[in-house]
C-alpha atoms as a PDB file:
ATOM      1  CA  MET A   1      -3.722  28.986   0.965  1.00  0.00           C
ATOM      2  CA  GLY A   2      -0.541  30.180   2.611  1.00  0.00           C
ATOM      3  CA  VAL A   3       1.303  31.324  -0.526  1.00  0.00           C
ATOM      4  CA  SER A   4       3.656  34.221   0.162  1.00  0.00           C
ATOM      5  CA  SER A   5       5.856  36.197  -2.204  1.00  0.00           C
ATOM      6  CA  GLN A   6       8.648  35.590   0.287  1.00  0.00           C
ATOM      7  CA  GLY A   7       8.510  31.844   0.615  1.00  0.00           C
ATOM      8  CA  VAL A   8       6.677  28.561   1.031  1.00  0.00           C
ATOM      9  CA  THR A   9       4.520  27.588   3.994  1.00  0.00           C
ATOM     10  CA  GLY A  10       3.813  24.145   5.377  1.00  0.00           C
ATOM     11  CA  ARG A  11       0.452  23.907   3.614  1.00  0.00           C
ATOM     12  CA  VAL A  12       2.050  24.844   0.323  1.00  0.00           C
ATOM     13  CA  VAL A  13       4.870  22.331   0.598  1.00  0.00           C
ATOM     14  CA  ALA A  14       2.287  19.630   1.383  1.00  0.00           C
ATOM     15  CA  ALA A  15       0.426  20.587  -1.789  1.00  0.00           C
ATOM     16  CA  VAL A  16       3.427  20.829  -4.122  1.00  0.00           C
ATOM     17  CA  GLY A  17       4.788  17.581  -2.705  1.00  0.00           C
ATOM     18  CA  GLY A  18       1.594  15.744  -3.608  1.00  0.00           C
ATOM     19  CA  PHE A  19       0.566  15.103  -0.008  1.00  0.00           C
ATOM     20  CA  SER A  20      -2.596  17.209   0.002  1.00  0.00           C
ATOM     21  CA  PRO A  21      -5.828  15.546  -1.162  1.00  0.00           C
ATOM     22  CA  TYR A  22      -7.312  18.984  -1.851  1.00  0.00           C
ATOM     23  CA  VAL A  23      -4.764  21.273  -3.505  1.00  0.00           C
ATOM     24  CA  SER A  24      -2.106  20.530  -6.126  1.00  0.00           C
ATOM     25  CA  ALA A  25       1.134  22.193  -7.211  1.00  0.00           C
ATOM     26  CA  LEU A  26      -0.647  23.604 -10.260  1.00  0.00           C
ATOM     27  CA  VAL A  27      -3.295  25.309  -8.130  1.00  0.00           C
ATOM     28  CA  VAL A  28      -0.620  26.786  -5.833  1.00  0.00           C
ATOM     29  CA  TRP A  29       1.392  27.959  -8.832  1.00  0.00           C
ATOM     30  CA  ALA A  30      -1.591  29.690 -10.469  1.00  0.00           C
ATOM     31  CA  ARG A  31      -2.479  31.454  -7.223  1.00  0.00           C
ATOM     32  CA  LYS A  32       1.143  32.384  -6.599  1.00  0.00           C
ATOM     33  CA  LEU A  33       1.437  34.111  -9.950  1.00  0.00           C
ATOM     34  CA  GLY A  34      -1.912  35.835  -9.543  1.00  0.00           C
ATOM     35  CA  LEU A  35      -3.494  33.956 -12.453  1.00  0.00           C
ATOM     36  CA  VAL A  36      -6.460  32.961 -10.296  1.00  0.00           C
ATOM     37  CA  GLU A  37      -7.690  34.215  -6.958  1.00  0.00           C
ATOM     38  CA  SER A  38      -7.472  32.178  -3.794  1.00  0.00           C
ATOM     39  CA  GLU A  39     -10.802  30.566  -3.072  1.00  0.00           C
ATOM     40  CA  SER A  40     -12.731  30.142   0.128  1.00  0.00           C
ATOM     41  CA  ASN A  41     -15.451  27.626   0.837  1.00  0.00           C
ATOM     42  CA  ALA A  42     -17.787  26.914   3.725  1.00  0.00           C
ATOM     43  CA  ILE A  43     -15.419  24.390   5.317  1.00  0.00           C
ATOM     44  CA  MET A  44     -12.474  26.808   5.177  1.00  0.00           C
ATOM     45  CA  GLU A  45     -14.588  29.624   6.604  1.00  0.00           C
ATOM     46  CA  ARG A  46     -15.795  27.307   9.358  1.00  0.00           C
ATOM     47  CA  GLY A  47     -12.203  26.571  10.343  1.00  0.00           C
ATOM     48  CA  THR A  48     -11.337  30.266  10.412  1.00  0.00           C
ATOM     49  CA  TYR A  49     -14.253  31.114  12.699  1.00  0.00           C
ATOM     50  CA  LEU A  50     -13.616  28.162  15.027  1.00  0.00           C
ATOM     51  CA  GLU A  51      -9.855  28.688  15.358  1.00  0.00           C
ATOM     52  CA  ARG A  52      -9.951  31.074  18.315  1.00  0.00           C
ATOM     53  CA  GLY A  53     -12.423  28.929  20.226  1.00  0.00           C
ATOM     54  CA  ILE A  54     -10.296  25.810  19.700  1.00  0.00           C
ATOM     55  CA  ARG A  55      -7.206  27.729  20.832  1.00  0.00           C
ATOM     56  CA  ASP A  56      -8.967  28.807  24.027  1.00  0.00           C
ATOM     57  CA  TRP A  57     -10.235  25.255  24.520  1.00  0.00           C
ATOM     58  CA  TYR A  58      -6.667  23.936  24.182  1.00  0.00           C
ATOM     59  CA  CYS A  59      -5.428  26.433  26.781  1.00  0.00           C
ATOM     60  CA  ALA A  60      -8.193  25.464  29.224  1.00  0.00           C
ATOM     61  CA  GLN A  61      -7.532  21.751  28.746  1.00  0.00           C
ATOM     62  CA  THR A  62      -3.722  21.854  28.961  1.00  0.00           C
ATOM     63  CA  GLY A  63      -3.080  24.909  31.137  1.00  0.00           C
ATOM     64  CA  ALA A  64      -0.735  26.265  28.478  1.00  0.00           C
ATOM     65  CA  LYS A  65      -0.377  29.907  27.560  1.00  0.00           C
ATOM     66  CA  VAL A  66      -0.546  30.353  23.805  1.00  0.00           C
ATOM     67  CA  THR A  67       1.028  33.259  21.944  1.00  0.00           C
ATOM     68  CA  GLU A  68       0.065  34.104  18.366  1.00  0.00           C
ATOM     69  CA  VAL A  69       3.231  34.917  16.432  1.00  0.00           C
ATOM     70  CA  GLY A  70       2.137  35.588  12.855  1.00  0.00           C
ATOM     71  CA  THR A  71       4.410  34.595   9.978  1.00  0.00           C
ATOM     72  CA  LEU A  72       7.919  33.386  10.830  1.00  0.00           C
ATOM     73  CA  THR A  73      10.958  32.705   8.648  1.00  0.00           C
ATOM     74  CA  HIS A  74      13.459  29.870   9.001  1.00  0.00           C
ATOM     75  CA  HIS A  75      16.710  30.970  10.630  1.00  0.00           C
ATOM     76  CA  VAL A  76      18.826  29.730   7.703  1.00  0.00           C
ATOM     77  CA  ASN A  77      16.637  29.436   4.607  1.00  0.00           C
ATOM     78  CA  PRO A  78      14.349  32.424   3.865  1.00  0.00           C
ATOM     79  CA  LEU A  79      12.304  30.296   1.469  1.00  0.00           C
ATOM     80  CA  VAL A  80      10.960  28.358   4.453  1.00  0.00           C
ATOM     81  CA  ILE A  81       8.220  30.290   6.231  1.00  0.00           C
ATOM     82  CA  ALA A  82       5.373  29.298   8.523  1.00  0.00           C
ATOM     83  CA  THR A  83       2.345  30.786  10.206  1.00  0.00           C
ATOM     84  CA  PRO A  84       1.673  28.477  13.146  1.00  0.00           C
ATOM     85  CA  ASP A  85      -1.579  28.849  15.037  1.00  0.00           C
ATOM     86  CA  GLY A  86       0.396  29.604  18.166  1.00  0.00           C
ATOM     87  CA  ILE A  87       3.366  28.870  20.412  1.00  0.00           C
ATOM     88  CA  ALA A  88       2.252  27.021  23.545  1.00  0.00           C
ATOM     89  CA  ASP A  89       4.174  27.594  26.774  1.00  0.00           C
ATOM     90  CA  HIS A  90       3.226  24.911  29.285  1.00  0.00           C
ATOM     91  CA  GLY A  91       4.984  26.619  32.190  1.00  0.00           C
ATOM     92  CA  ASP A  92       7.193  23.631  32.991  1.00  0.00           C
ATOM     93  CA  GLY A  93       9.935  24.469  30.539  1.00  0.00           C
ATOM     94  CA  THR A  94       8.048  22.781  27.704  1.00  0.00           C
ATOM     95  CA  THR A  95       7.205  24.924  24.701  1.00  0.00           C
ATOM     96  CA  ARG A  96       5.430  23.539  21.680  1.00  0.00           C
ATOM     97  CA  THR A  97       4.239  24.677  18.292  1.00  0.00           C
ATOM     98  CA  LEU A  98       0.453  24.650  18.064  1.00  0.00           C
ATOM     99  CA  GLU A  99      -1.551  23.698  14.996  1.00  0.00           C
ATOM    100  CA  ILE A 100      -5.361  23.910  15.069  1.00  0.00           C
ATOM    101  CA  LYS A 101      -7.750  21.866  12.935  1.00  0.00           C
ATOM    102  CA  ALA A 102     -11.522  21.807  12.653  1.00  0.00           C
ATOM    103  CA  PRO A 103     -12.438  18.583  10.832  1.00  0.00           C
ATOM    104  CA  THR A 104     -16.037  17.791   9.992  1.00  0.00           C
ATOM    105  CA  TRP A 105     -17.811  14.579  10.990  1.00  0.00           C
ATOM    106  CA  ARG A 106     -16.975  13.160   7.564  1.00  0.00           C
ATOM    107  CA  THR A 107     -13.255  12.997   8.455  1.00  0.00           C
ATOM    108  CA  TYR A 108     -13.358  12.155  12.177  1.00  0.00           C
ATOM    109  CA  HIS A 109     -12.474   8.554  11.299  1.00  0.00           C
ATOM    110  CA  ALA A 110      -9.089   9.680   9.916  1.00  0.00           C
ATOM    111  CA  TRP A 111      -7.882  10.781  13.353  1.00  0.00           C
ATOM    112  CA  GLY A 112      -6.206   8.027  15.366  1.00  0.00           C
ATOM    113  CA  ASP A 113      -5.454   7.580  19.048  1.00  0.00           C
ATOM    114  CA  GLU A 114      -5.082  10.882  20.847  1.00  0.00           C
ATOM    115  CA  GLY A 115      -1.694  11.614  22.358  1.00  0.00           C
ATOM    116  CA  THR A 116       0.022   9.944  19.394  1.00  0.00           C
ATOM    117  CA  ASP A 117       1.042  11.332  16.002  1.00  0.00           C
ATOM    118  CA  ASN A 118      -1.705   9.361  14.251  1.00  0.00           C
ATOM    119  CA  ILE A 119      -3.299  12.250  12.375  1.00  0.00           C
ATOM    120  CA  PRO A 120      -4.275  12.525   8.682  1.00  0.00           C
ATOM    121  CA  GLU A 121      -1.031  12.031   6.781  1.00  0.00           C
ATOM    122  CA  HIS A 122      -1.220  15.244   4.762  1.00  0.00           C
ATOM    123  CA  TYR A 123      -0.852  17.266   7.989  1.00  0.00           C
ATOM    124  CA  ILE A 124       2.507  15.675   8.883  1.00  0.00           C
ATOM    125  CA  PRO A 125       4.547  17.729   6.374  1.00  0.00           C
ATOM    126  CA  GLN A 126       2.948  20.933   7.651  1.00  0.00           C
ATOM    127  CA  CYS A 127       3.815  20.059  11.252  1.00  0.00           C
ATOM    128  CA  THR A 128       7.408  19.186  10.362  1.00  0.00           C
ATOM    129  CA  TRP A 129       7.784  22.388   8.338  1.00  0.00           C
ATOM    130  CA  GLU A 130       6.437  24.566  11.131  1.00  0.00           C
ATOM    131  CA  ALA A 131       8.604  22.888  13.764  1.00  0.00           C
ATOM    132  CA  ALA A 132      11.667  23.611  11.627  1.00  0.00           C
ATOM    133  CA  VAL A 133      10.730  27.295  11.531  1.00  0.00           C
ATOM    134  CA  THR A 134       9.754  27.771  15.178  1.00  0.00           C
ATOM    135  CA  GLY A 135      12.622  25.673  16.529  1.00  0.00           C
ATOM    136  CA  TYR A 136      10.272  23.781  18.855  1.00  0.00           C
ATOM    137  CA  PRO A 137      10.460  20.075  17.898  1.00  0.00           C
ATOM    138  CA  LEU A 138       7.057  19.085  19.307  1.00  0.00           C
ATOM    139  CA  VAL A 139       3.886  20.159  17.536  1.00  0.00           C
ATOM    140  CA  ASP A 140       0.561  19.831  19.317  1.00  0.00           C
ATOM    141  CA  VAL A 141      -2.294  19.379  16.890  1.00  0.00           C
ATOM    142  CA  ALA A 142      -5.587  20.340  18.523  1.00  0.00           C
ATOM    143  CA  ALA A 143      -8.732  19.284  16.688  1.00  0.00           C
ATOM    144  CA  ASP A 144     -12.394  19.784  17.470  1.00  0.00           C
ATOM    145  CA  LEU A 145     -14.021  16.361  17.164  1.00  0.00           C
ATOM    146  CA  GLY A 146     -17.517  17.574  17.873  1.00  0.00           C
ATOM    147  CA  ASP A 147     -18.052  16.240  21.383  1.00  0.00           C
ATOM    148  CA  HIS A 148     -14.520  16.860  22.669  1.00  0.00           C
ATOM    149  CA  LEU A 149     -11.137  18.385  21.874  1.00  0.00           C
ATOM    150  CA  GLY A 150      -8.508  15.914  20.725  1.00  0.00           C
ATOM    151  CA  ILE A 151      -4.791  16.618  21.030  1.00  0.00           C
ATOM    152  CA  TRP A 152      -2.063  14.811  19.097  1.00  0.00           C
ATOM    153  CA  THR A 153       1.691  15.406  19.197  1.00  0.00           C
ATOM    154  CA  VAL A 154       3.953  15.258  16.142  1.00  0.00           C
ATOM    155  CA  LYS A 155       7.739  15.207  16.559  1.00  0.00           C
ATOM    156  CA  TYR A 156      10.011  17.092  14.207  1.00  0.00           C
ATOM    157  CA  ASP A 157      11.535  14.782  11.574  1.00  0.00           C
ATOM    158  CA  ASP A 158      14.773  16.221  10.218  1.00  0.00           C
ATOM    159  CA  GLU A 159      14.992  13.764   7.319  1.00  0.00           C
ATOM    160  CA  LEU A 160      11.448  14.585   6.230  1.00  0.00           C
ATOM    161  CA  PHE A 161      12.144  18.306   6.514  1.00  0.00           C
ATOM    162  CA  HIS A 162      15.098  18.120   4.152  1.00  0.00           C
ATOM    163  CA  GLN A 163      13.049  16.070   1.692  1.00  0.00           C
ATOM    164  CA  LEU A 164      10.352  18.726   1.837  1.00  0.00           C
ATOM    165  CA  LEU A 165      12.959  21.462   1.461  1.00  0.00           C
ATOM    166  CA  GLU A 166      14.212  19.849  -1.733  1.00  0.00           C
ATOM    167  CA  ILE A 167      10.618  19.714  -3.041  1.00  0.00           C
ATOM    168  CA  ALA A 168      10.012  23.372  -2.145  1.00  0.00           C
ATOM    169  CA  GLU A 169      13.250  24.568  -3.754  1.00  0.00           C
ATOM    170  CA  LYS A 170      12.504  22.640  -6.940  1.00  0.00           C
ATOM    171  CA  PHE A 171       8.986  24.047  -7.090  1.00  0.00           C
ATOM    172  CA  TRP A 172      10.258  27.576  -6.619  1.00  0.00           C
ATOM    173  CA  ARG A 173      13.183  27.209  -9.025  1.00  0.00           C
ATOM    174  CA  ASP A 174      11.499  25.246 -11.831  1.00  0.00           C
ATOM    175  CA  TYR A 175       7.979  26.656 -11.762  1.00  0.00           C
ATOM    176  CA  VAL A 176       7.612  29.920  -9.846  1.00  0.00           C
ATOM    177  CA  VAL A 177      10.755  31.663 -11.059  1.00  0.00           C
ATOM    178  CA  THR A 178      10.350  30.495 -14.668  1.00  0.00           C
ATOM    179  CA  ARG A 179       6.557  30.941 -14.635  1.00  0.00           C
ATOM    180  CA  THR A 180       6.281  27.423 -16.037  1.00  0.00           C
ATOM    181  CA  ALA A 181       3.155  25.521 -15.048  1.00  0.00           C
ATOM    182  CA  PRO A 182       3.692  22.240 -13.163  1.00  0.00           C
ATOM    183  CA  PRO A 183       1.946  19.125 -14.507  1.00  0.00           C
ATOM    184  CA  ALA A 184      -1.765  18.761 -13.859  1.00  0.00           C
ATOM    185  CA  THR A 185      -3.190  16.050 -11.609  1.00  0.00           C
ATOM    186  CA  GLY A 186      -6.656  14.644 -11.108  1.00  0.00           C
ATOM    187  CA  LEU A 187      -7.814  16.773  -8.171  1.00  0.00           C
ATOM    188  CA  ALA A 188     -11.301  18.243  -8.495  1.00  0.00           C
ATOM    189  CA  ARG A 189     -10.186  21.681  -7.281  1.00  0.00           C
ATOM    190  CA  GLU A 190      -7.556  21.718  -9.996  1.00  0.00           C
ATOM    191  CA  ALA A 191     -10.190  21.023 -12.657  1.00  0.00           C
ATOM    192  CA  GLU A 192     -12.258  23.938 -11.366  1.00  0.00           C
ATOM    193  CA  MET A 193      -9.202  26.180 -11.471  1.00  0.00           C
ATOM    194  CA  LEU A 194      -8.361  25.166 -15.058  1.00  0.00           C
ATOM    195  CA  LYS A 195     -11.876  26.096 -16.186  1.00  0.00           C
ATOM    196  CA  LYS A 196     -11.347  29.585 -14.784  1.00  0.00           C
ATOM    197  CA  LEU A 197      -7.828  29.838 -16.143  1.00  0.00           C
ATOM    198  CA  PHE A 198      -8.841  28.666 -19.635  1.00  0.00           C
ATOM    199  CA  PRO A 199     -12.498  29.567 -20.237  1.00  0.00           C
ATOM    200  CA  ALA A 200     -14.247  28.384 -23.409  1.00  0.00           C
ATOM    201  CA  SER A 201     -12.516  29.985 -26.390  1.00  0.00           C
ATOM    202  CA  THR A 202     -13.931  31.176 -29.692  1.00  0.00           C
ATOM    203  CA  CYS A 203     -10.496  30.845 -31.251  1.00  0.00           C
ATOM    204  CA  ALA A 204     -10.442  28.473 -34.249  1.00  0.00           C
ATOM    205  CA  GLU A 205      -6.768  27.565 -33.832  1.00  0.00           C
ATOM    206  CA  TYR A 206      -5.623  24.128 -32.735  1.00  0.00           C
ATOM    207  CA  VAL A 207      -2.518  22.999 -30.897  1.00  0.00           C
ATOM    208  CA  GLU A 208      -0.289  20.901 -33.136  1.00  0.00           C
ATOM    209  CA  ALA A 209       0.408  17.689 -31.219  1.00  0.00           C
ATOM    210  CA  ASP A 210       3.935  16.435 -30.688  1.00  0.00           C
ATOM    211  CA  ASN A 211       4.773  12.880 -29.608  1.00  0.00           C
ATOM    212  CA  ASP A 212       4.122  13.603 -25.934  1.00  0.00           C
ATOM    213  CA  ALA A 213       0.736  15.145 -26.721  1.00  0.00           C
ATOM    214  CA  CYS A 214      -0.232  12.188 -28.906  1.00  0.00           C
ATOM    215  CA  LYS A 215       0.598   9.799 -26.086  1.00  0.00           C
ATOM    216  CA  LEU A 216      -1.437  11.929 -23.668  1.00  0.00           C
ATOM    217  CA  VAL A 217      -4.478  11.715 -25.950  1.00  0.00           C
ATOM    218  CA  GLU A 218      -4.096   7.958 -26.255  1.00  0.00           C
ATOM    219  CA  ASP A 219      -3.748   7.595 -22.483  1.00  0.00           C
ATOM    220  CA  TYR A 220      -6.919   9.644 -22.031  1.00  0.00           C
ATOM    221  CA  ARG A 221      -8.837   7.503 -24.515  1.00  0.00           C
ATOM    222  CA  SER A 222      -7.559   4.342 -22.835  1.00  0.00           C
ATOM    223  CA  ALA A 223      -8.673   5.606 -19.420  1.00  0.00           C
ATOM    224  CA  LEU A 224     -12.155   6.381 -20.782  1.00  0.00           C
ATOM    225  CA  ASP A 225     -12.399   2.896 -22.301  1.00  0.00           C
ATOM    226  CA  LYS A 226     -11.423   1.310 -18.992  1.00  0.00           C
ATOM    227  CA  LEU A 227     -13.993   3.449 -17.185  1.00  0.00           C
ATOM    228  CA  LYS A 228     -16.738   2.332 -19.566  1.00  0.00           C
ATOM    229  CA  GLU A 229     -15.665  -1.298 -19.132  1.00  0.00           C
ATOM    230  CA  ALA A 230     -15.734  -0.936 -15.327  1.00  0.00           C
ATOM    231  CA  GLU A 231     -19.234   0.559 -15.515  1.00  0.00           C
ATOM    232  CA  ARG A 232     -20.411  -2.378 -17.656  1.00  0.00           C
ATOM    233  CA  PHE A 233     -19.066  -4.846 -15.112  1.00  0.00           C
ATOM    234  CA  ALA A 234     -20.704  -2.910 -12.281  1.00  0.00           C
ATOM    235  CA  ASP A 235     -24.060  -3.052 -14.078  1.00  0.00           C
ATOM    236  CA  LYS A 236     -23.579  -6.770 -14.704  1.00  0.00           C
ATOM    237  CA  TYR A 237     -22.878  -7.574 -11.063  1.00  0.00           C
ATOM    238  CA  LYS A 238     -25.735  -5.330  -9.956  1.00  0.00           C
ATOM    239  CA  ASN A 239     -28.189  -7.221 -12.165  1.00  0.00           C
ATOM    240  CA  MET A 240     -26.811 -10.593 -11.080  1.00  0.00           C
ATOM    241  CA  LEU A 241     -27.315  -9.571  -7.457  1.00  0.00           C
ATOM    242  CA  ARG A 242     -30.877  -8.443  -8.174  1.00  0.00           C
ATOM    243  CA  GLN A 243     -31.542 -11.794  -9.844  1.00  0.00           C
ATOM    244  CA  LEU A 244     -30.062 -13.713  -6.940  1.00  0.00           C
ATOM    245  CA  ILE A 245     -32.119 -11.832  -4.353  1.00  0.00           C
ATOM    246  CA  GLY A 246     -35.296 -12.167  -6.408  1.00  0.00           C
ATOM    247  CA  ASP A 247     -38.436 -11.344  -4.439  1.00  0.00           C
ATOM    248  CA  LYS A 248     -36.731 -11.710  -1.054  1.00  0.00           C
ATOM    249  CA  SER A 249     -35.850  -8.818   1.252  1.00  0.00           C
ATOM    250  CA  GLY A 250     -32.118  -9.115   0.710  1.00  0.00           C
ATOM    251  CA  ILE A 251     -29.078 -11.302   1.296  1.00  0.00           C
ATOM    252  CA  ARG A 252     -26.783 -11.754   4.284  1.00  0.00           C
ATOM    253  CA  GLY A 253     -23.530 -13.538   5.000  1.00  0.00           C
ATOM    254  CA  GLU A 254     -20.025 -13.032   6.370  1.00  0.00           C
ATOM    255  CA  PHE A 255     -19.860  -9.736   4.481  1.00  0.00           C
ATOM    256  CA  GLY A 256     -22.823  -8.405   6.442  1.00  0.00           C
ATOM    257  CA  ARG A 257     -26.273  -7.742   4.994  1.00  0.00           C
ATOM    258  CA  VAL A 258     -27.509  -6.305   1.734  1.00  0.00           C
ATOM    259  CA  ASP A 259     -31.111  -5.147   1.732  1.00  0.00           C
ATOM    260  CA  PHE A 260     -33.300  -5.261  -1.351  1.00  0.00           C
ATOM    261  CA  ARG A 261     -36.267  -3.549   0.163  1.00  0.00           C
ATOM    262  CA  SER A 262     -39.547  -2.486  -1.382  1.00  0.00           C
ATOM    263  CA  ASN A 263     -39.890   1.186  -2.196  1.00  0.00           C
ATOM    264  CA  LYS A 264     -42.927   1.452  -4.433  1.00  0.00           C
ATOM    265  CA  PRO A 265     -42.950   1.657  -7.372  1.00  0.00           C
ATOM    266  CA  SER A 266     -39.267   0.640  -7.377  1.00  0.00           C
ATOM    267  CA  ARG A 267     -36.858  -1.427  -5.340  1.00  0.00           C
ATOM    268  CA  VAL A 268     -33.587  -0.296  -3.840  1.00  0.00           C
ATOM    269  CA  VAL A 269     -30.407  -2.215  -3.050  1.00  0.00           C
ATOM    270  CA  ASP A 270     -28.536  -0.870  -0.037  1.00  0.00           C
ATOM    271  CA  TRP A 271     -25.284  -0.344  -1.899  1.00  0.00           C
ATOM    272  CA  GLU A 272     -23.738   1.354   1.148  1.00  0.00           C
ATOM    273  CA  SER A 273     -23.789  -2.048   2.849  1.00  0.00           C
ATOM    274  CA  VAL A 274     -22.110  -3.553  -0.192  1.00  0.00           C
ATOM    275  CA  ALA A 275     -19.450  -0.833  -0.086  1.00  0.00           C
ATOM    276  CA  ARG A 276     -18.822  -1.398   3.617  1.00  0.00           C
ATOM    277  CA  ALA A 277     -18.490  -5.107   3.012  1.00  0.00           C
ATOM    278  CA  ALA A 278     -15.881  -4.335   0.377  1.00  0.00           C
ATOM    279  CA  GLY A 279     -13.938  -2.147   2.821  1.00  0.00           C
ATOM    280  CA  ALA A 280     -15.082   1.265   1.648  1.00  0.00           C
ATOM    281  CA  THR A 281     -15.224   4.244   4.017  1.00  0.00           C
ATOM    282  CA  PRO A 282     -18.577   4.465   5.830  1.00  0.00           C
ATOM    283  CA  GLY A 283     -20.861   7.392   5.170  1.00  0.00           C
ATOM    284  CA  ALA A 284     -19.790   7.938   1.572  1.00  0.00           C
ATOM    285  CA  SER A 285     -23.293   7.697   0.120  1.00  0.00           C
ATOM    286  CA  GLY A 286     -26.738   6.308   0.648  1.00  0.00           C
ATOM    287  CA  ALA A 287     -28.552   3.507  -1.100  1.00  0.00           C
ATOM    288  CA  ALA A 288     -28.697   3.781  -4.878  1.00  0.00           C
ATOM    289  CA  PRO A 289     -31.886   3.138  -6.864  1.00  0.00           C
ATOM    290  CA  VAL A 290     -31.640   0.279  -9.333  1.00  0.00           C
ATOM    291  CA  GLY A 291     -34.966   0.747 -11.135  1.00  0.00           C
ATOM    292  CA  PRO A 292     -38.325  -0.987 -11.073  1.00  0.00           C
ATOM    293  CA  ALA A 293     -38.500  -4.570  -9.910  1.00  0.00           C
END
């Protein structure tokens, strides 16, 4: 995860700042204090194994010579550390920080025009953080996009760095030093971590709720009620659409096409088409069964 007893890396500051869609401040905090172990999954392992190949690919494509430098510390603030994937010397007086990514096909769409800084937003803080540590204001982000290597360039943003520095110092001061847990969020990885941190207890004691806890319970109940209401509306619109389509193959219009195709002994609405028509990200899921016709 990039947590070090000596400081905060770019990945960590992205997480504690709420930029990461995968890891939260609470997860970082628990790992930092040794309450839970750092986890690895297939996607993370894939990135580790592919890193050297992508680095070599970058060198072959750009002609740069890349040096691996390990963990570096900011020249002024020892809290700020970074482990860039390399320092790229292009031989023309241009030296850049190198960051390597290995996205899967599910996230290729999040990468914009190559040669720009249009990369997934949660990588921007990491690039800025690493540039501040290395002293090289340009960060090349090399990513394997399956059929080719894409290269993007992110410029150091001093204003963003100081915002991130404030976030990192607050995290360290208020949570790490005091061993006080930061507030939970809704990330799935955080929920998994909480289950490990607080396994099912046989203790018969209860927490006595104060005003803040009472409000939290009410907010939770309200959210559940809204979720149930949303599900009822979804079922209503699904049935109305089934009724409208009737015994036809589907419906089409400016939104595209929705298929209601036979799949004995049931029928299936192509809800992926509906989602695309509503502006959802392609490839999220397949068609969903809606029961017998």
